[in-house]
């Protein structure tokens, strides 16, 4: 045999399947065993199956109750968050109004002092001019 050619082996056969009739009999036996397993299962009216169904229904009902409770809790949290958000907005609005009132009061104070300041500057200017004329 040459090293470049792979070694050829005959195909493997299952030693238990000797002929077509043996394979056919094995297949029929397997189908029969599967059918017997299926028939051996308890039916829907069996007490064990009824108990299992009742347990599944109880679990499903408990799960639904927990989900409803979680949904109610989530809705309550959202409601409280909305109330808190509205409270913060109201506080900010009130603070903005207070800042605006303070700004307006400051502006009014400046406006009230302005004519007095202008008059004082005019008097000082007039005195300075009068003082300047007297020097000559």
N, C-alpha and C. Protein backbone atom coordinates (compact mmCIF):
# COMPACT_ATOMS: atom_id res chain seq x y z
N UNK A 1 0.85 -1.17 0.00
CA UNK A 1 0.00 0.00 0.00
C UNK A 1 0.89 1.23 0.00
N UNK A 2 0.47 2.23 -0.76
CA UNK A 2 1.25 3.46 -0.84
C UNK A 2 0.86 4.42 0.28
N UNK A 3 1.81 5.27 0.72
CA UNK A 3 1.48 6.21 1.79
C UNK A 3 0.56 7.33 1.33
N UNK A 4 0.49 7.64 0.05
CA UNK A 4 -0.36 8.74 -0.43
C UNK A 4 -1.83 8.34 -0.49
N UNK A 5 -2.14 7.05 -0.53
CA UNK A 5 -3.54 6.61 -0.61
C UNK A 5 -4.04 6.21 0.78
N UNK A 6 -5.25 6.69 1.15
CA UNK A 6 -5.79 6.31 2.46
C UNK A 6 -6.16 4.83 2.49
N UNK A 7 -6.15 4.30 3.67
CA UNK A 7 -6.48 2.88 3.85
C UNK A 7 -7.99 2.71 3.70
N UNK A 8 -8.42 1.71 2.93
CA UNK A 8 -9.84 1.46 2.72
C UNK A 8 -10.30 0.38 3.67
N UNK A 9 -11.40 0.69 4.35
CA UNK A 9 -11.96 -0.28 5.27
C UNK A 9 -13.35 -0.63 4.78
N UNK A 10 -13.80 -1.82 5.06
CA UNK A 10 -15.16 -2.18 4.66
C UNK A 10 -16.16 -1.43 5.56
N UNK A 11 -17.38 -1.12 5.07
CA UNK A 11 -18.36 -0.39 5.88
C UNK A 11 -18.74 -1.20 7.12
N UNK A 12 -18.97 -0.49 8.23
CA UNK A 12 -19.32 -1.16 9.48
C UNK A 12 -20.77 -1.59 9.44
N UNK A 13 -21.05 -2.74 9.98
CA UNK A 13 -22.42 -3.24 10.05
C UNK A 13 -22.77 -3.46 11.51
N UNK A 14 -24.04 -3.29 11.81
CA UNK A 14 -24.51 -3.55 13.16
C UNK A 14 -24.56 -5.06 13.34
N UNK A 15 -23.85 -5.57 14.34
CA UNK A 15 -23.81 -7.04 14.47
C UNK A 15 -25.16 -7.61 14.89
N UNK A 16 -26.06 -6.80 15.46
CA UNK A 16 -27.35 -7.33 15.87
C UNK A 16 -28.32 -7.45 14.71
N UNK A 17 -28.18 -6.65 13.67
CA UNK A 17 -29.07 -6.71 12.51
C UNK A 17 -28.44 -7.61 11.45
N UNK A 18 -28.90 -8.84 11.42
CA UNK A 18 -28.31 -9.81 10.51
C UNK A 18 -28.96 -9.76 9.13
N UNK A 19 -30.27 -9.46 9.10
CA UNK A 19 -30.95 -9.46 7.81
C UNK A 19 -32.10 -8.46 7.87
N UNK A 20 -32.78 -8.32 6.74
CA UNK A 20 -33.91 -7.40 6.65
C UNK A 20 -35.02 -7.79 7.61
N UNK A 21 -35.31 -9.05 7.74
CA UNK A 21 -36.39 -9.49 8.63
C UNK A 21 -36.04 -9.21 10.08
N UNK A 22 -34.74 -9.32 10.43
CA UNK A 22 -34.33 -8.97 11.81
C UNK A 22 -34.54 -7.48 12.07
N UNK A 23 -34.18 -6.63 11.10
CA UNK A 23 -34.38 -5.18 11.27
C UNK A 23 -35.85 -4.84 11.34
N UNK A 24 -36.65 -5.51 10.54
CA UNK A 24 -38.09 -5.26 10.55
C UNK A 24 -38.70 -5.68 11.89
N UNK A 25 -38.27 -6.78 12.42
CA UNK A 25 -38.78 -7.26 13.71
C UNK A 25 -38.35 -6.31 14.83
N UNK A 26 -37.10 -5.83 14.78
CA UNK A 26 -36.62 -4.88 15.79
C UNK A 26 -37.42 -3.58 15.74
N UNK A 27 -37.72 -3.11 14.54
CA UNK A 27 -38.50 -1.89 14.38
C UNK A 27 -39.91 -2.06 14.95
N UNK A 28 -40.53 -3.19 14.67
CA UNK A 28 -41.88 -3.46 15.18
C UNK A 28 -41.87 -3.54 16.70
N UNK A 29 -40.84 -4.17 17.27
CA UNK A 29 -40.75 -4.28 18.72
C UNK A 29 -40.57 -2.90 19.35
N UNK A 30 -39.79 -2.05 18.73
CA UNK A 30 -39.59 -0.70 19.26
C UNK A 30 -40.89 0.10 19.21
N UNK A 31 -41.64 -0.03 18.13
CA UNK A 31 -42.93 0.67 18.01
C UNK A 31 -43.92 0.17 19.05
N UNK A 32 -43.91 -1.14 19.28
CA UNK A 32 -44.81 -1.73 20.26
C UNK A 32 -44.47 -1.23 21.67
N UNK A 33 -43.16 -1.15 21.99
CA UNK A 33 -42.73 -0.67 23.31
C UNK A 33 -43.12 0.79 23.50
N UNK A 34 -42.99 1.59 22.44
CA UNK A 34 -43.37 3.00 22.52
C UNK A 34 -44.88 3.13 22.74
N UNK A 35 -45.66 2.32 22.05
CA UNK A 35 -47.11 2.34 22.22
C UNK A 35 -47.51 1.92 23.63
N UNK A 36 -46.85 0.93 24.17
CA UNK A 36 -47.15 0.48 25.53
C UNK A 36 -46.81 1.57 26.55
N UNK A 37 -45.70 2.27 26.33
CA UNK A 37 -45.34 3.38 27.24
C UNK A 37 -46.40 4.48 27.18
N UNK A 38 -46.89 4.75 25.98
CA UNK A 38 -47.91 5.79 25.82
C UNK A 38 -49.21 5.37 26.51
N UNK A 39 -49.60 4.10 26.35
CA UNK A 39 -50.84 3.63 26.97
C UNK A 39 -50.73 3.54 28.48
N UNK A 40 -49.52 3.35 29.00
CA UNK A 40 -49.32 3.23 30.43
C UNK A 40 -49.45 4.58 31.15
N UNK A 41 -49.37 5.66 30.39
CA UNK A 41 -49.50 6.99 31.02
C UNK A 41 -50.91 7.15 31.58
N UNK A 42 -51.05 7.86 32.70
CA UNK A 42 -52.39 8.07 33.26
C UNK A 42 -53.20 9.00 32.39
N UNK A 43 -54.50 8.80 32.34
CA UNK A 43 -55.40 9.61 31.52
C UNK A 43 -55.76 10.91 32.22
N UNK A 44 -56.51 11.77 31.55
CA UNK A 44 -56.86 13.07 32.13
C UNK A 44 -57.80 12.96 33.33
N UNK A 45 -58.55 11.86 33.43
CA UNK A 45 -59.47 11.71 34.57
C UNK A 45 -58.83 10.97 35.74
N UNK A 46 -57.55 10.64 35.63
CA UNK A 46 -56.83 9.96 36.70
C UNK A 46 -56.65 10.92 37.89
N UNK A 47 -56.79 10.45 39.13
CA UNK A 47 -56.65 11.34 40.29
C UNK A 47 -55.28 12.03 40.37
N UNK A 48 -54.24 11.34 39.98
CA UNK A 48 -52.90 11.94 40.00
C UNK A 48 -52.84 13.12 39.02
N UNK A 49 -53.40 12.90 37.83
CA UNK A 49 -53.39 13.96 36.82
C UNK A 49 -54.26 15.13 37.26
N UNK A 50 -55.38 14.85 37.89
CA UNK A 50 -56.26 15.92 38.39
C UNK A 50 -55.54 16.72 39.48
N UNK A 51 -54.80 16.01 40.34
CA UNK A 51 -54.05 16.70 41.40
C UNK A 51 -52.98 17.59 40.78
N UNK A 52 -52.26 17.08 39.79
CA UNK A 52 -51.21 17.87 39.14
C UNK A 52 -51.81 19.10 38.45
N UNK A 53 -52.96 18.91 37.78
CA UNK A 53 -53.63 20.02 37.11
C UNK A 53 -54.04 21.07 38.14
N UNK A 54 -54.58 20.62 39.29
CA UNK A 54 -54.99 21.56 40.34
C UNK A 54 -53.77 22.32 40.88
N UNK A 55 -52.65 21.63 41.03
CA UNK A 55 -51.44 22.30 41.50
C UNK A 55 -50.97 23.35 40.50
N UNK A 56 -51.00 23.00 39.20
CA UNK A 56 -50.60 23.96 38.16
C UNK A 56 -51.52 25.17 38.17
N UNK A 57 -52.82 24.93 38.32
CA UNK A 57 -53.78 26.05 38.35
C UNK A 57 -53.55 26.93 39.57
N UNK A 58 -53.24 26.31 40.72
CA UNK A 58 -52.97 27.09 41.93
C UNK A 58 -51.71 27.94 41.75
N UNK A 59 -50.70 27.36 41.13
CA UNK A 59 -49.46 28.11 40.87
C UNK A 59 -49.74 29.27 39.92
N UNK A 60 -50.53 29.00 38.88
CA UNK A 60 -50.87 30.06 37.92
C UNK A 60 -51.67 31.17 38.59
N UNK A 61 -52.60 30.81 39.48
CA UNK A 61 -53.39 31.82 40.19
C UNK A 61 -52.50 32.65 41.12
N UNK A 62 -51.58 31.99 41.80
CA UNK A 62 -50.66 32.71 42.69
C UNK A 62 -49.77 33.65 41.88
N UNK A 63 -49.31 33.19 40.73
CA UNK A 63 -48.48 34.02 39.86
C UNK A 63 -49.26 35.25 39.39
N UNK A 64 -50.51 35.02 38.99
CA UNK A 64 -51.35 36.15 38.54
C UNK A 64 -51.58 37.14 39.68
N UNK A 65 -51.77 36.64 40.89
CA UNK A 65 -51.96 37.53 42.05
C UNK A 65 -50.70 38.34 42.31
N UNK A 66 -49.53 37.69 42.22
CA UNK A 66 -48.26 38.42 42.42
C UNK A 66 -48.06 39.49 41.35
N UNK A 67 -48.39 39.13 40.11
CA UNK A 67 -48.24 40.10 39.02
C UNK A 67 -49.19 41.27 39.21
N UNK A 68 -50.41 41.00 39.65
CA UNK A 68 -51.37 42.09 39.90
C UNK A 68 -50.87 42.98 41.04
N UNK A 69 -50.31 42.37 42.07
CA UNK A 69 -49.77 43.13 43.19
C UNK A 69 -48.60 44.01 42.73
N UNK A 70 -47.72 43.43 41.90
CA UNK A 70 -46.59 44.20 41.38
C UNK A 70 -47.09 45.36 40.51
N UNK A 71 -48.10 45.10 39.70
CA UNK A 71 -48.64 46.16 38.84
C UNK A 71 -49.25 47.27 39.68
N UNK A 72 -49.97 46.91 40.74
CA UNK A 72 -50.56 47.92 41.62
C UNK A 72 -49.46 48.72 42.32
N UNK A 73 -48.42 48.05 42.77
CA UNK A 73 -47.30 48.73 43.43
C UNK A 73 -46.61 49.68 42.44
N UNK A 74 -46.40 49.21 41.21
CA UNK A 74 -45.76 50.03 40.18
C UNK A 74 -46.62 51.26 39.88
N UNK A 75 -47.95 51.08 39.79
CA UNK A 75 -48.84 52.20 39.52
C UNK A 75 -48.80 53.21 40.66
N UNK A 76 -48.75 52.72 41.90
CA UNK A 76 -48.68 53.61 43.06
C UNK A 76 -47.36 54.39 43.05
N UNK A 77 -46.26 53.72 42.71
CA UNK A 77 -44.97 54.39 42.64
C UNK A 77 -44.97 55.46 41.55
N UNK A 78 -45.58 55.14 40.42
CA UNK A 78 -45.66 56.12 39.34
C UNK A 78 -46.50 57.32 39.76
N UNK A 79 -47.60 57.06 40.49
CA UNK A 79 -48.46 58.14 40.95
C UNK A 79 -47.70 59.04 41.92
N UNK A 80 -46.95 58.42 42.85
CA UNK A 80 -46.17 59.20 43.81
C UNK A 80 -45.07 59.99 43.10
N UNK A 81 -44.45 59.39 42.11
CA UNK A 81 -43.40 60.09 41.35
C UNK A 81 -43.99 61.29 40.62
N UNK A 82 -45.18 61.12 40.08
CA UNK A 82 -45.84 62.23 39.38
C UNK A 82 -46.18 63.35 40.37
N UNK A 83 -46.67 62.99 41.56
CA UNK A 83 -46.97 64.00 42.58
C UNK A 83 -45.69 64.74 42.97
N UNK A 84 -44.60 64.01 43.15
CA UNK A 84 -43.32 64.62 43.52
C UNK A 84 -42.83 65.55 42.41
N UNK A 85 -42.97 65.12 41.16
CA UNK A 85 -42.55 65.95 40.02
C UNK A 85 -43.37 67.24 39.98
N UNK A 86 -44.69 67.15 40.19
CA UNK A 86 -45.53 68.34 40.20
C UNK A 86 -45.17 69.27 41.36
N UNK A 87 -44.85 68.68 42.52
CA UNK A 87 -44.46 69.49 43.67
C UNK A 87 -43.18 70.26 43.37
N UNK A 88 -42.20 69.56 42.77
CA UNK A 88 -40.94 70.22 42.43
C UNK A 88 -41.15 71.33 41.41
N UNK A 89 -42.01 71.07 40.41
CA UNK A 89 -42.30 72.10 39.42
C UNK A 89 -42.95 73.32 40.07
N UNK A 90 -43.87 73.08 41.00
CA UNK A 90 -44.54 74.18 41.69
C UNK A 90 -43.54 74.97 42.54
N UNK A 91 -42.65 74.27 43.25
CA UNK A 91 -41.62 74.95 44.03
C UNK A 91 -40.72 75.79 43.14
N UNK A 92 -40.34 75.24 42.00
CA UNK A 92 -39.48 75.98 41.08
C UNK A 92 -40.21 77.20 40.52
N UNK A 93 -41.50 77.05 40.25
CA UNK A 93 -42.29 78.17 39.74
C UNK A 93 -42.37 79.27 40.80
N UNK A 94 -42.60 78.87 42.05
CA UNK A 94 -42.67 79.85 43.14
C UNK A 94 -41.32 80.54 43.33
N UNK A 95 -40.23 79.77 43.25
CA UNK A 95 -38.90 80.34 43.39
C UNK A 95 -38.62 81.32 42.25
N UNK A 96 -39.05 80.97 41.05
CA UNK A 96 -38.86 81.85 39.89
C UNK A 96 -39.65 83.14 40.08
N UNK A 97 -40.88 83.02 40.60
CA UNK A 97 -41.68 84.22 40.87
C UNK A 97 -41.01 85.09 41.93
N UNK A 98 -40.43 84.46 42.97
CA UNK A 98 -39.74 85.22 44.01
C UNK A 98 -38.52 85.92 43.42
N UNK A 99 -37.76 85.23 42.57
CA UNK A 99 -36.59 85.86 41.94
C UNK A 99 -37.02 87.03 41.06
N UNK A 100 -38.10 86.84 40.33
CA UNK A 100 -38.61 87.90 39.46
C UNK A 100 -39.06 89.10 40.30
N UNK A 101 -39.74 88.85 41.43
CA UNK A 101 -40.20 89.94 42.30
C UNK A 101 -38.99 90.68 42.89
N UNK A 102 -37.95 89.95 43.30
CA UNK A 102 -36.75 90.58 43.83
C UNK A 102 -36.06 91.41 42.77
N UNK A 103 -36.00 90.90 41.55
CA UNK A 103 -35.38 91.64 40.45
C UNK A 103 -36.16 92.92 40.16
N UNK A 104 -37.50 92.81 40.16
CA UNK A 104 -38.32 93.99 39.92
C UNK A 104 -38.17 95.01 41.05
N UNK A 105 -38.08 94.53 42.29
CA UNK A 105 -37.89 95.45 43.42
C UNK A 105 -36.54 96.16 43.31
N UNK A 106 -35.51 95.45 42.93
CA UNK A 106 -34.18 96.05 42.75
C UNK A 106 -34.21 97.08 41.63
N UNK A 107 -34.90 96.74 40.55
CA UNK A 107 -35.02 97.68 39.42
C UNK A 107 -35.80 98.92 39.85
N UNK A 108 -36.87 98.72 40.63
CA UNK A 108 -37.67 99.86 41.10
C UNK A 108 -36.83 100.75 42.02
N UNK A 109 -36.01 100.13 42.87
CA UNK A 109 -35.14 100.89 43.77
C UNK A 109 -34.14 101.72 42.96
N UNK A 110 -33.55 101.11 41.93
CA UNK A 110 -32.61 101.85 41.08
C UNK A 110 -33.31 102.99 40.35
N UNK A 111 -34.53 102.69 39.86
CA UNK A 111 -35.28 103.71 39.15
C UNK A 111 -35.66 104.86 40.08
N UNK A 112 -35.96 104.54 41.35
CA UNK A 112 -36.33 105.58 42.31
C UNK A 112 -35.11 106.44 42.66
N UNK A 113 -33.94 105.87 42.71
CA UNK A 113 -32.73 106.61 43.05
C UNK A 113 -32.19 107.40 41.86
N UNK A 114 -32.56 107.03 40.68
CA UNK A 114 -31.99 107.63 39.49
C UNK A 114 -32.28 109.13 39.39
N UNK A 115 -33.55 109.58 39.54
CA UNK A 115 -33.77 111.04 39.43
C UNK A 115 -33.01 111.81 40.51
N UNK A 116 -32.93 111.25 41.69
CA UNK A 116 -32.20 111.90 42.77
C UNK A 116 -30.72 112.00 42.41
N UNK A 117 -30.18 110.94 41.83
CA UNK A 117 -28.78 110.91 41.45
C UNK A 117 -28.51 111.93 40.33
N UNK A 118 -29.42 111.94 39.37
CA UNK A 118 -29.26 112.87 38.24
C UNK A 118 -29.33 114.30 38.76
N UNK A 119 -30.28 114.57 39.66
CA UNK A 119 -30.41 115.91 40.23
C UNK A 119 -29.15 116.29 41.02
N UNK A 120 -28.62 115.34 41.79
CA UNK A 120 -27.41 115.59 42.56
C UNK A 120 -26.24 115.89 41.63
N UNK A 121 -26.13 115.14 40.55
CA UNK A 121 -25.04 115.37 39.59
C UNK A 121 -25.21 116.74 38.94
N UNK A 122 -26.45 117.11 38.65
CA UNK A 122 -26.70 118.42 38.03
C UNK A 122 -26.33 119.55 38.99
N UNK A 123 -26.67 119.40 40.26
CA UNK A 123 -26.33 120.41 41.26
C UNK A 123 -24.82 120.51 41.40
N UNK A 124 -24.15 119.39 41.45
CA UNK A 124 -22.69 119.39 41.57
C UNK A 124 -22.04 120.05 40.35
N UNK A 125 -22.60 119.78 39.18
CA UNK A 125 -22.07 120.36 37.95
C UNK A 125 -22.27 121.88 37.98
N UNK A 126 -23.45 122.28 38.42
CA UNK A 126 -23.75 123.72 38.48
C UNK A 126 -22.83 124.40 39.49
N UNK A 127 -22.58 123.77 40.63
CA UNK A 127 -21.69 124.35 41.63
C UNK A 127 -20.26 124.45 41.09
N UNK A 128 -19.84 123.42 40.36
CA UNK A 128 -18.51 123.42 39.80
C UNK A 128 -18.38 124.53 38.76
N UNK A 129 -19.38 124.76 38.00
CA UNK A 129 -19.35 125.83 36.98
C UNK A 129 -19.36 127.19 37.65
N UNK A 130 -20.19 127.23 38.71
CA UNK A 130 -20.26 128.51 39.41
C UNK A 130 -18.92 128.81 40.10
N UNK A 131 -18.30 127.80 40.63
CA UNK A 131 -17.00 127.97 41.29
C UNK A 131 -15.96 128.37 40.26
N UNK A 132 -16.05 127.85 39.07
CA UNK A 132 -15.09 128.14 38.01
C UNK A 132 -15.23 129.58 37.53
N UNK A 133 -16.42 130.13 37.50
CA UNK A 133 -16.63 131.50 37.03
C UNK A 133 -16.13 132.50 38.07
N UNK A 134 -16.21 132.12 39.30
CA UNK A 134 -15.77 133.03 40.35
C UNK A 134 -14.26 133.14 40.39
N UNK A 135 -13.53 132.26 39.89
CA UNK A 135 -12.07 132.29 39.91
C UNK A 135 -11.55 133.31 38.91
N UNK A 136 -12.23 133.56 37.89
CA UNK A 136 -11.72 134.44 36.85
C UNK A 136 -11.79 135.85 37.22
